[in-house]
Amino acid sequence: MDEAHNEHKSKKNVTVSAPPRQEHLLKVKIKKMFPDARLPKLEHEGDAGFDLYSNEEVVLKPLERKLVGTGIAIALPPGYEAQVRPKSGLAIEHGITMLNTPGTIDSGYRGEIKAIVVNLGWREYKIEKGGKICQLVFSKIELPKFEEVVELNGSTRGHSGFGSTGLK
C-alpha cells in the first residue's frame, strides 16, 4: 500500500508543460486610422483571439444594432483571413454580441475593421470609446477546386440536418 501511495504522491508533483508557442509566424501589417485608436491585444498567454477596442462611444438600445469602428486597418497576406468574433463576457453579462459572426476580413480588404454589434439584452448598453467590443482570430484558408458531379457519394448521415440528432 505504501508503494501505491508513493506512486500516487509522485504523480501529483509531475509538471506537464505545454509545447512552446510558435508566435509571430504570420506577419500582419496594421495601421491606426486615428491617432487614439488602440492596437489589438492578447490578454492571456495561450489566447487565440486578440481583443479589439471601440474607437467611438455608442449607445445601444435593446434589440438595436450598430456598426462600430475599431480605428484600425490590417493587411493580411494571401491565404489568410481574420475573423471578427464576439466577446463572451459582453454576451453573458450584458447580452451584447455580434451579427454576421464570425465576420470575415479578406486578405484584399484595407478598410477600417468594424463590428456589427447588437444588444440582445433588456437594458440600454453604452460602449465606451477604448472599451473591448470583439476579438480578432487569424486563420489560414484553403481554396478548393470545385468539381461538378451529377451525384454525390453516399454517407450514413445523408440528407439529415437541422436537428436530426435530437436535443437529448
N, C-alpha and C. Protein backbone atom coordinates (compact mmCIF):
# COMPACT_ATOMS: atom_id res chain seq x y z
N MET A 1 0.82 -1.20 0.00
CA MET A 1 0.00 0.00 0.00
C MET A 1 0.85 1.25 0.00
N ASP A 2 1.99 1.20 0.73
CA ASP A 2 2.87 2.37 0.73
C ASP A 2 3.42 2.65 -0.66
N GLU A 3 3.71 1.59 -1.41
CA GLU A 3 4.25 1.76 -2.76
C GLU A 3 3.23 2.47 -3.67
N ALA A 4 1.96 2.03 -3.59
CA ALA A 4 0.91 2.67 -4.38
C ALA A 4 0.70 4.11 -3.95
N HIS A 5 0.77 4.35 -2.64
CA HIS A 5 0.61 5.71 -2.11
C HIS A 5 1.74 6.61 -2.60
N ASN A 6 2.97 6.11 -2.54
CA ASN A 6 4.12 6.89 -3.00
C ASN A 6 4.05 7.17 -4.50
N GLU A 7 3.59 6.15 -5.25
CA GLU A 7 3.46 6.35 -6.70
C GLU A 7 2.43 7.45 -6.98
N HIS A 8 1.31 7.42 -6.27
CA HIS A 8 0.28 8.46 -6.44
C HIS A 8 0.83 9.83 -6.06
N LYS A 9 1.60 9.88 -4.95
CA LYS A 9 2.18 11.15 -4.50
C LYS A 9 3.12 11.72 -5.55
N SER A 10 3.95 10.86 -6.13
CA SER A 10 4.92 11.35 -7.11
C SER A 10 4.23 11.86 -8.37
N LYS A 11 3.11 11.25 -8.73
CA LYS A 11 2.38 11.71 -9.92
C LYS A 11 1.79 13.10 -9.70
N LYS A 12 1.44 13.41 -8.46
CA LYS A 12 0.88 14.73 -8.16
C LYS A 12 1.90 15.83 -8.40
N ASN A 13 3.16 15.53 -8.24
CA ASN A 13 4.20 16.54 -8.35
C ASN A 13 4.79 16.65 -9.75
N VAL A 14 4.28 15.88 -10.69
CA VAL A 14 4.80 15.92 -12.05
C VAL A 14 4.31 17.20 -12.73
N THR A 15 5.24 17.91 -13.33
CA THR A 15 4.90 19.13 -14.05
C THR A 15 4.77 18.81 -15.52
N VAL A 16 3.61 19.14 -16.08
CA VAL A 16 3.38 18.94 -17.50
C VAL A 16 3.43 20.31 -18.15
N SER A 17 4.32 20.46 -19.10
CA SER A 17 4.41 21.76 -19.77
C SER A 17 3.88 21.65 -21.19
N ALA A 18 3.26 22.73 -21.61
CA ALA A 18 2.74 22.80 -22.97
C ALA A 18 3.90 22.97 -23.93
N PRO A 19 3.71 22.54 -25.17
CA PRO A 19 4.77 22.76 -26.16
C PRO A 19 5.00 24.26 -26.33
N PRO A 20 6.21 24.64 -26.68
CA PRO A 20 6.48 26.08 -26.85
C PRO A 20 5.55 26.67 -27.91
N ARG A 21 5.06 27.85 -27.62
CA ARG A 21 4.13 28.52 -28.53
C ARG A 21 4.90 29.11 -29.69
N GLN A 22 4.40 28.88 -30.89
CA GLN A 22 5.02 29.44 -32.08
C GLN A 22 4.33 30.76 -32.39
N GLU A 23 4.98 31.84 -32.04
CA GLU A 23 4.37 33.14 -32.23
C GLU A 23 5.00 33.87 -33.40
N HIS A 24 4.25 34.78 -33.94
CA HIS A 24 4.71 35.71 -34.96
C HIS A 24 5.13 35.03 -36.25
N LEU A 25 4.53 33.88 -36.56
CA LEU A 25 4.82 33.25 -37.84
C LEU A 25 4.09 33.97 -38.97
N LEU A 26 2.98 34.60 -38.64
CA LEU A 26 2.19 35.35 -39.60
C LEU A 26 2.49 36.83 -39.42
N LYS A 27 2.94 37.47 -40.45
CA LYS A 27 3.22 38.91 -40.40
C LYS A 27 2.00 39.67 -40.92
N VAL A 28 1.44 40.51 -40.06
CA VAL A 28 0.26 41.31 -40.41
C VAL A 28 0.60 42.78 -40.21
N LYS A 29 0.49 43.55 -41.26
CA LYS A 29 0.71 44.99 -41.15
C LYS A 29 -0.57 45.60 -40.59
N ILE A 30 -0.40 46.58 -39.70
CA ILE A 30 -1.54 47.21 -39.06
C ILE A 30 -1.37 48.72 -39.09
N LYS A 31 -2.47 49.42 -39.31
CA LYS A 31 -2.44 50.88 -39.39
C LYS A 31 -3.51 51.45 -38.47
N LYS A 32 -3.11 52.44 -37.67
CA LYS A 32 -4.10 53.19 -36.90
C LYS A 32 -4.74 54.19 -37.85
N MET A 33 -6.05 54.14 -37.97
CA MET A 33 -6.78 55.08 -38.82
C MET A 33 -6.96 56.42 -38.11
N PHE A 34 -6.87 56.37 -36.77
CA PHE A 34 -7.00 57.54 -35.92
C PHE A 34 -5.90 57.45 -34.87
N PRO A 35 -5.29 58.58 -34.49
CA PRO A 35 -4.15 58.55 -33.56
C PRO A 35 -4.46 57.88 -32.21
N ASP A 36 -5.71 57.99 -31.74
CA ASP A 36 -6.03 57.43 -30.43
C ASP A 36 -6.59 56.01 -30.48
N ALA A 37 -6.60 55.39 -31.66
CA ALA A 37 -7.07 54.01 -31.77
C ALA A 37 -6.16 53.07 -30.99
N ARG A 38 -6.73 52.05 -30.41
CA ARG A 38 -5.95 51.06 -29.65
C ARG A 38 -5.63 49.87 -30.54
N LEU A 39 -4.40 49.39 -30.44
CA LEU A 39 -3.98 48.22 -31.20
C LEU A 39 -4.54 46.95 -30.55
N PRO A 40 -4.78 45.89 -31.35
CA PRO A 40 -5.27 44.63 -30.80
C PRO A 40 -4.29 44.07 -29.77
N LYS A 41 -4.84 43.34 -28.80
CA LYS A 41 -4.00 42.83 -27.72
C LYS A 41 -4.47 41.44 -27.29
N LEU A 42 -3.49 40.54 -27.07
CA LEU A 42 -3.78 39.26 -26.44
C LEU A 42 -3.78 39.49 -24.94
N GLU A 43 -4.83 39.10 -24.28
CA GLU A 43 -4.95 39.35 -22.84
C GLU A 43 -4.20 38.31 -22.01
N HIS A 44 -4.21 37.06 -22.46
CA HIS A 44 -3.58 35.97 -21.68
C HIS A 44 -2.72 35.11 -22.59
N GLU A 45 -1.69 34.54 -22.02
CA GLU A 45 -0.85 33.56 -22.73
C GLU A 45 -1.74 32.42 -23.20
N GLY A 46 -1.63 32.05 -24.45
CA GLY A 46 -2.42 30.95 -24.99
C GLY A 46 -3.73 31.38 -25.63
N ASP A 47 -4.12 32.65 -25.51
CA ASP A 47 -5.36 33.12 -26.14
C ASP A 47 -5.25 33.03 -27.66
N ALA A 48 -6.36 32.75 -28.30
CA ALA A 48 -6.41 32.72 -29.77
C ALA A 48 -6.89 34.05 -30.32
N GLY A 49 -7.72 34.76 -29.56
CA GLY A 49 -8.33 35.99 -30.04
C GLY A 49 -7.67 37.23 -29.48
N PHE A 50 -7.37 38.17 -30.37
CA PHE A 50 -6.85 39.48 -29.99
C PHE A 50 -8.03 40.39 -29.71
N ASP A 51 -8.05 41.03 -28.55
CA ASP A 51 -9.13 41.96 -28.24
C ASP A 51 -9.08 43.17 -29.16
N LEU A 52 -10.26 43.58 -29.63
CA LEU A 52 -10.40 44.80 -30.42
C LEU A 52 -11.21 45.78 -29.60
N TYR A 53 -10.92 47.06 -29.79
CA TYR A 53 -11.49 48.12 -28.96
C TYR A 53 -12.28 49.10 -29.81
N SER A 54 -13.35 49.61 -29.24
CA SER A 54 -14.17 50.60 -29.92
C SER A 54 -13.39 51.90 -30.05
N ASN A 55 -13.50 52.54 -31.20
CA ASN A 55 -12.87 53.83 -31.40
C ASN A 55 -13.91 54.95 -31.35
N GLU A 56 -15.07 54.62 -30.81
CA GLU A 56 -16.14 55.61 -30.68
C GLU A 56 -17.05 55.22 -29.52
N GLU A 57 -17.78 56.20 -29.03
CA GLU A 57 -18.77 55.94 -27.99
C GLU A 57 -20.10 55.68 -28.68
N VAL A 58 -20.75 54.58 -28.28
CA VAL A 58 -22.00 54.18 -28.92
C VAL A 58 -22.98 53.71 -27.84
N VAL A 59 -24.22 54.13 -27.95
CA VAL A 59 -25.27 53.66 -27.05
C VAL A 59 -26.20 52.75 -27.86
N LEU A 60 -26.39 51.54 -27.35
CA LEU A 60 -27.26 50.57 -27.99
C LEU A 60 -28.50 50.33 -27.13
N LYS A 61 -29.65 50.58 -27.69
CA LYS A 61 -30.91 50.27 -27.01
C LYS A 61 -31.17 48.77 -27.17
N PRO A 62 -32.03 48.18 -26.36
CA PRO A 62 -32.35 46.76 -26.53
C PRO A 62 -32.79 46.47 -27.96
N LEU A 63 -32.26 45.39 -28.52
CA LEU A 63 -32.51 44.91 -29.88
C LEU A 63 -31.99 45.83 -30.98
N GLU A 64 -31.21 46.83 -30.62
CA GLU A 64 -30.63 47.73 -31.61
C GLU A 64 -29.26 47.21 -32.05
N ARG A 65 -28.94 47.44 -33.30
CA ARG A 65 -27.63 47.05 -33.84
C ARG A 65 -26.98 48.26 -34.47
N LYS A 66 -25.65 48.32 -34.36
CA LYS A 66 -24.90 49.43 -34.96
C LYS A 66 -23.55 48.92 -35.44
N LEU A 67 -23.03 49.61 -36.42
CA LEU A 67 -21.69 49.34 -36.92
C LEU A 67 -20.71 50.18 -36.10
N VAL A 68 -19.78 49.51 -35.42
CA VAL A 68 -18.86 50.19 -34.51
C VAL A 68 -17.44 50.05 -35.03
N GLY A 69 -16.78 51.19 -35.22
CA GLY A 69 -15.41 51.19 -35.73
C GLY A 69 -14.38 50.91 -34.66
N THR A 70 -13.28 50.25 -35.08
CA THR A 70 -12.17 49.98 -34.17
C THR A 70 -11.01 50.95 -34.37
N GLY A 71 -11.04 51.70 -35.48
CA GLY A 71 -9.99 52.66 -35.74
C GLY A 71 -8.71 52.06 -36.29
N ILE A 72 -8.75 50.78 -36.66
CA ILE A 72 -7.55 50.14 -37.23
C ILE A 72 -7.88 49.45 -38.55
N ALA A 73 -6.86 49.27 -39.36
CA ALA A 73 -6.95 48.51 -40.60
C ALA A 73 -5.75 47.59 -40.66
N ILE A 74 -5.91 46.45 -41.34
CA ILE A 74 -4.81 45.49 -41.45
C ILE A 74 -4.60 45.08 -42.90
N ALA A 75 -3.42 44.55 -43.17
CA ALA A 75 -3.10 43.98 -44.48
C ALA A 75 -2.66 42.55 -44.23
N LEU A 76 -3.51 41.61 -44.61
CA LEU A 76 -3.21 40.19 -44.46
C LEU A 76 -2.55 39.66 -45.73
N PRO A 77 -1.64 38.72 -45.60
CA PRO A 77 -1.10 38.10 -46.80
C PRO A 77 -2.13 37.16 -47.42
N PRO A 78 -2.03 36.89 -48.73
CA PRO A 78 -2.94 35.94 -49.36
C PRO A 78 -2.89 34.59 -48.64
N GLY A 79 -4.04 33.93 -48.59
CA GLY A 79 -4.10 32.62 -47.95
C GLY A 79 -4.53 32.69 -46.48
N TYR A 80 -4.83 33.90 -46.00
CA TYR A 80 -5.26 34.08 -44.62
C TYR A 80 -6.52 34.92 -44.56
N GLU A 81 -7.26 34.75 -43.48
CA GLU A 81 -8.40 35.61 -43.17
C GLU A 81 -8.29 35.98 -41.70
N ALA A 82 -8.99 37.03 -41.33
CA ALA A 82 -9.14 37.37 -39.92
C ALA A 82 -10.64 37.31 -39.63
N GLN A 83 -11.00 36.70 -38.51
CA GLN A 83 -12.40 36.58 -38.14
C GLN A 83 -12.70 37.49 -36.95
N VAL A 84 -13.74 38.29 -37.10
CA VAL A 84 -14.20 39.17 -36.02
C VAL A 84 -15.27 38.39 -35.26
N ARG A 85 -15.03 38.18 -33.96
CA ARG A 85 -15.92 37.36 -33.15
C ARG A 85 -16.36 38.09 -31.89
N PRO A 86 -17.48 37.64 -31.30
CA PRO A 86 -17.97 38.28 -30.07
C PRO A 86 -17.06 38.00 -28.87
N LYS A 87 -17.25 38.78 -27.82
CA LYS A 87 -16.60 38.57 -26.52
C LYS A 87 -17.61 37.88 -25.61
N SER A 88 -17.23 36.76 -25.02
CA SER A 88 -18.17 36.00 -24.20
C SER A 88 -18.62 36.78 -22.96
N GLY A 89 -17.75 37.57 -22.37
CA GLY A 89 -18.12 38.35 -21.19
C GLY A 89 -19.21 39.37 -21.49
N LEU A 90 -19.10 40.04 -22.63
CA LEU A 90 -20.15 41.00 -23.02
C LEU A 90 -21.47 40.29 -23.28
N ALA A 91 -21.38 39.09 -23.86
CA ALA A 91 -22.59 38.34 -24.17
C ALA A 91 -23.32 37.90 -22.91
N ILE A 92 -22.61 37.29 -21.97
CA ILE A 92 -23.26 36.75 -20.79
C ILE A 92 -23.66 37.85 -19.80
N GLU A 93 -22.87 38.88 -19.67
CA GLU A 93 -23.17 39.92 -18.68
C GLU A 93 -24.17 40.97 -19.17
N HIS A 94 -24.16 41.27 -20.49
CA HIS A 94 -24.98 42.37 -20.98
C HIS A 94 -25.86 42.02 -22.19
N GLY A 95 -25.70 40.82 -22.75
CA GLY A 95 -26.47 40.47 -23.94
C GLY A 95 -25.93 41.12 -25.19
N ILE A 96 -24.67 41.55 -25.15
CA ILE A 96 -24.05 42.21 -26.31
C ILE A 96 -23.30 41.16 -27.12
N THR A 97 -23.63 41.06 -28.40
CA THR A 97 -22.96 40.11 -29.26
C THR A 97 -22.81 40.73 -30.65
N MET A 98 -22.44 39.92 -31.59
CA MET A 98 -22.20 40.42 -32.94
C MET A 98 -23.08 39.69 -33.94
N LEU A 99 -23.55 40.44 -34.90
CA LEU A 99 -24.25 39.83 -36.03
C LEU A 99 -23.20 39.50 -37.07
N ASN A 100 -23.55 38.63 -37.98
CA ASN A 100 -22.60 38.22 -39.02
C ASN A 100 -21.32 37.68 -38.39
N THR A 101 -21.49 36.79 -37.44
CA THR A 101 -20.32 36.27 -36.75
C THR A 101 -20.04 34.84 -37.14
N PRO A 102 -18.83 34.46 -37.43
CA PRO A 102 -17.72 35.39 -37.45
C PRO A 102 -17.74 36.23 -38.72
N GLY A 103 -17.37 37.48 -38.57
CA GLY A 103 -17.22 38.36 -39.72
C GLY A 103 -15.85 38.13 -40.33
N THR A 104 -15.80 37.94 -41.62
CA THR A 104 -14.54 37.64 -42.29
C THR A 104 -13.89 38.89 -42.85
N ILE A 105 -12.63 39.06 -42.56
CA ILE A 105 -11.81 40.10 -43.19
C ILE A 105 -10.90 39.38 -44.18
N ASP A 106 -11.12 39.64 -45.45
CA ASP A 106 -10.33 39.00 -46.51
C ASP A 106 -8.97 39.68 -46.66
N SER A 107 -8.05 38.96 -47.27
CA SER A 107 -6.69 39.48 -47.42
C SER A 107 -6.63 40.73 -48.28
N GLY A 108 -7.60 40.95 -49.15
CA GLY A 108 -7.60 42.13 -50.01
C GLY A 108 -8.23 43.37 -49.39
N TYR A 109 -8.87 43.23 -48.22
CA TYR A 109 -9.56 44.37 -47.60
C TYR A 109 -8.57 45.25 -46.86
N ARG A 110 -8.64 46.57 -47.08
CA ARG A 110 -7.73 47.51 -46.42
C ARG A 110 -8.45 48.59 -45.63
N GLY A 111 -9.75 48.48 -45.50
CA GLY A 111 -10.51 49.48 -44.77
C GLY A 111 -10.50 49.24 -43.26
N GLU A 112 -11.16 50.16 -42.56
CA GLU A 112 -11.24 50.05 -41.10
C GLU A 112 -12.01 48.79 -40.70
N ILE A 113 -11.52 48.10 -39.70
CA ILE A 113 -12.24 46.95 -39.15
C ILE A 113 -13.39 47.49 -38.32
N LYS A 114 -14.58 47.02 -38.64
CA LYS A 114 -15.78 47.44 -37.91
C LYS A 114 -16.54 46.19 -37.48
N ALA A 115 -17.29 46.33 -36.40
CA ALA A 115 -18.06 45.22 -35.86
C ALA A 115 -19.54 45.57 -35.91
N ILE A 116 -20.37 44.61 -36.32
CA ILE A 116 -21.82 44.80 -36.29
C ILE A 116 -22.27 44.30 -34.92
N VAL A 117 -22.47 45.23 -34.00
CA VAL A 117 -22.77 44.91 -32.61
C VAL A 117 -24.28 45.02 -32.38
N VAL A 118 -24.85 44.06 -31.63
CA VAL A 118 -26.28 44.07 -31.33
C VAL A 118 -26.48 43.89 -29.83
N ASN A 119 -27.48 44.56 -29.32
CA ASN A 119 -27.84 44.45 -27.90
C ASN A 119 -29.05 43.54 -27.78
N LEU A 120 -28.82 42.31 -27.32
CA LEU A 120 -29.92 41.37 -27.11
C LEU A 120 -30.39 41.39 -25.66
N GLY A 121 -29.88 42.33 -24.90
CA GLY A 121 -30.26 42.47 -23.50
C GLY A 121 -31.53 43.30 -23.34
N TRP A 122 -31.95 43.47 -22.08
CA TRP A 122 -33.16 44.22 -21.76
C TRP A 122 -32.89 45.68 -21.46
N ARG A 123 -31.62 46.03 -21.26
CA ARG A 123 -31.27 47.40 -20.89
C ARG A 123 -30.40 48.04 -21.97
N GLU A 124 -30.44 49.35 -22.01
CA GLU A 124 -29.54 50.12 -22.87
C GLU A 124 -28.11 49.80 -22.45
N TYR A 125 -27.20 49.74 -23.43
CA TYR A 125 -25.79 49.47 -23.13
C TYR A 125 -24.92 50.52 -23.81
N LYS A 126 -24.01 51.08 -23.04
CA LYS A 126 -23.09 52.10 -23.58
C LYS A 126 -21.73 51.46 -23.83
N ILE A 127 -21.30 51.52 -25.09
CA ILE A 127 -19.96 51.08 -25.46
C ILE A 127 -19.06 52.30 -25.31
N GLU A 128 -18.11 52.19 -24.44
CA GLU A 128 -17.17 53.29 -24.19
C GLU A 128 -16.09 53.31 -25.27
N LYS A 129 -15.65 54.48 -25.64
CA LYS A 129 -14.51 54.60 -26.54
C LYS A 129 -13.31 53.99 -25.83
N GLY A 130 -12.63 53.06 -26.51
CA GLY A 130 -11.49 52.37 -25.91
C GLY A 130 -11.87 51.09 -25.19
N GLY A 131 -13.18 50.78 -25.13
CA GLY A 131 -13.64 49.56 -24.48
C GLY A 131 -13.60 48.37 -25.44
N LYS A 132 -13.43 47.19 -24.87
CA LYS A 132 -13.41 45.97 -25.68
C LYS A 132 -14.79 45.75 -26.30
N ILE A 133 -14.80 45.41 -27.60
CA ILE A 133 -16.08 45.12 -28.25
C ILE A 133 -16.12 43.77 -28.95
N CYS A 134 -14.98 43.25 -29.33
CA CYS A 134 -14.96 41.99 -30.05
C CYS A 134 -13.52 41.45 -30.04
N GLN A 135 -13.31 40.36 -30.73
CA GLN A 135 -11.96 39.82 -30.82
C GLN A 135 -11.66 39.41 -32.25
N LEU A 136 -10.38 39.32 -32.55
CA LEU A 136 -9.90 39.03 -33.89
C LEU A 136 -9.08 37.74 -33.84
N VAL A 137 -9.49 36.76 -34.66
CA VAL A 137 -8.81 35.48 -34.73
C VAL A 137 -8.32 35.29 -36.17
N PHE A 138 -7.09 34.86 -36.32
CA PHE A 138 -6.50 34.67 -37.64
C PHE A 138 -6.54 33.21 -38.04
N SER A 139 -6.77 32.98 -39.33
CA SER A 139 -6.91 31.61 -39.80
C SER A 139 -6.37 31.47 -41.21
N LYS A 140 -5.68 30.36 -41.44
CA LYS A 140 -5.22 30.03 -42.78
C LYS A 140 -6.40 29.45 -43.53
N ILE A 141 -6.54 29.81 -44.78
CA ILE A 141 -7.67 29.30 -45.57
C ILE A 141 -7.17 28.44 -46.72
N GLU A 142 -8.03 27.56 -47.16
CA GLU A 142 -7.76 26.73 -48.33
C GLU A 142 -8.83 27.03 -49.36
N LEU A 143 -8.44 27.24 -50.57
CA LEU A 143 -9.40 27.48 -51.65
C LEU A 143 -9.53 26.20 -52.45
N PRO A 144 -10.73 25.61 -52.47
CA PRO A 144 -10.90 24.35 -53.18
C PRO A 144 -11.05 24.55 -54.68
N LYS A 145 -10.80 23.49 -55.39
CA LYS A 145 -11.13 23.45 -56.81
C LYS A 145 -12.42 22.65 -56.88
N PHE A 146 -13.51 23.29 -57.31
CA PHE A 146 -14.80 22.61 -57.37
C PHE A 146 -14.84 21.67 -58.56
N GLU A 147 -15.44 20.52 -58.33
CA GLU A 147 -15.65 19.53 -59.39
C GLU A 147 -17.14 19.23 -59.43
N GLU A 148 -17.80 19.67 -60.47
CA GLU A 148 -19.24 19.44 -60.58
C GLU A 148 -19.49 17.98 -60.93
N VAL A 149 -20.44 17.38 -60.20
CA VAL A 149 -20.79 15.97 -60.44
C VAL A 149 -22.31 15.86 -60.54
N VAL A 150 -22.78 14.76 -61.07
CA VAL A 150 -24.22 14.50 -61.17
C VAL A 150 -24.76 14.00 -59.83
N GLU A 151 -23.99 13.17 -59.14
CA GLU A 151 -24.38 12.61 -57.84
C GLU A 151 -23.22 12.71 -56.87
N LEU A 152 -23.55 12.91 -55.59
CA LEU A 152 -22.53 12.87 -54.53
C LEU A 152 -22.49 11.47 -53.95
N ASN A 153 -21.32 11.08 -53.47
CA ASN A 153 -21.24 9.76 -52.85
C ASN A 153 -22.08 9.75 -51.57
N GLY A 154 -22.56 8.59 -51.17
CA GLY A 154 -23.43 8.47 -50.01
C GLY A 154 -22.67 8.58 -48.70
N SER A 155 -23.44 8.77 -47.62
CA SER A 155 -22.88 8.80 -46.28
C SER A 155 -23.94 8.28 -45.31
N THR A 156 -23.54 7.97 -44.09
CA THR A 156 -24.51 7.48 -43.11
C THR A 156 -25.50 8.58 -42.73
N ARG A 157 -25.10 9.81 -42.78
CA ARG A 157 -26.00 10.92 -42.42
C ARG A 157 -26.96 11.27 -43.55
N GLY A 158 -26.47 11.20 -44.77
CA GLY A 158 -27.32 11.51 -45.91
C GLY A 158 -27.80 12.94 -45.91
N HIS A 159 -29.12 13.13 -46.10
CA HIS A 159 -29.72 14.47 -46.17
C HIS A 159 -30.16 15.00 -44.81
N SER A 160 -29.97 14.24 -43.76
CA SER A 160 -30.44 14.66 -42.43
C SER A 160 -29.65 15.85 -41.91
N GLY A 161 -30.36 16.83 -41.41
CA GLY A 161 -29.73 18.02 -40.84
C GLY A 161 -30.74 18.80 -40.04
N PHE A 162 -30.35 19.95 -39.55
CA PHE A 162 -31.25 20.86 -38.82
C PHE A 162 -32.05 20.14 -37.74
N GLY A 163 -31.33 19.64 -36.75
CA GLY A 163 -31.98 18.99 -35.62
C GLY A 163 -32.10 17.49 -35.74
N SER A 164 -31.47 16.91 -36.73
CA SER A 164 -31.62 15.47 -36.96
C SER A 164 -31.06 14.61 -35.84
N THR A 165 -30.16 15.16 -35.03
CA THR A 165 -29.58 14.36 -33.94
C THR A 165 -30.38 14.50 -32.65
N GLY A 166 -31.43 15.32 -32.65
CA GLY A 166 -32.27 15.48 -31.47
C GLY A 166 -31.66 16.46 -30.47
N LEU A 167 -32.39 16.68 -29.38
CA LEU A 167 -31.94 17.63 -28.37
C LEU A 167 -31.58 16.95 -27.07
N LYS A 168 -31.70 15.63 -26.98
CA LYS A 168 -31.35 14.90 -25.75
C LYS A 168 -30.35 13.83 -26.03
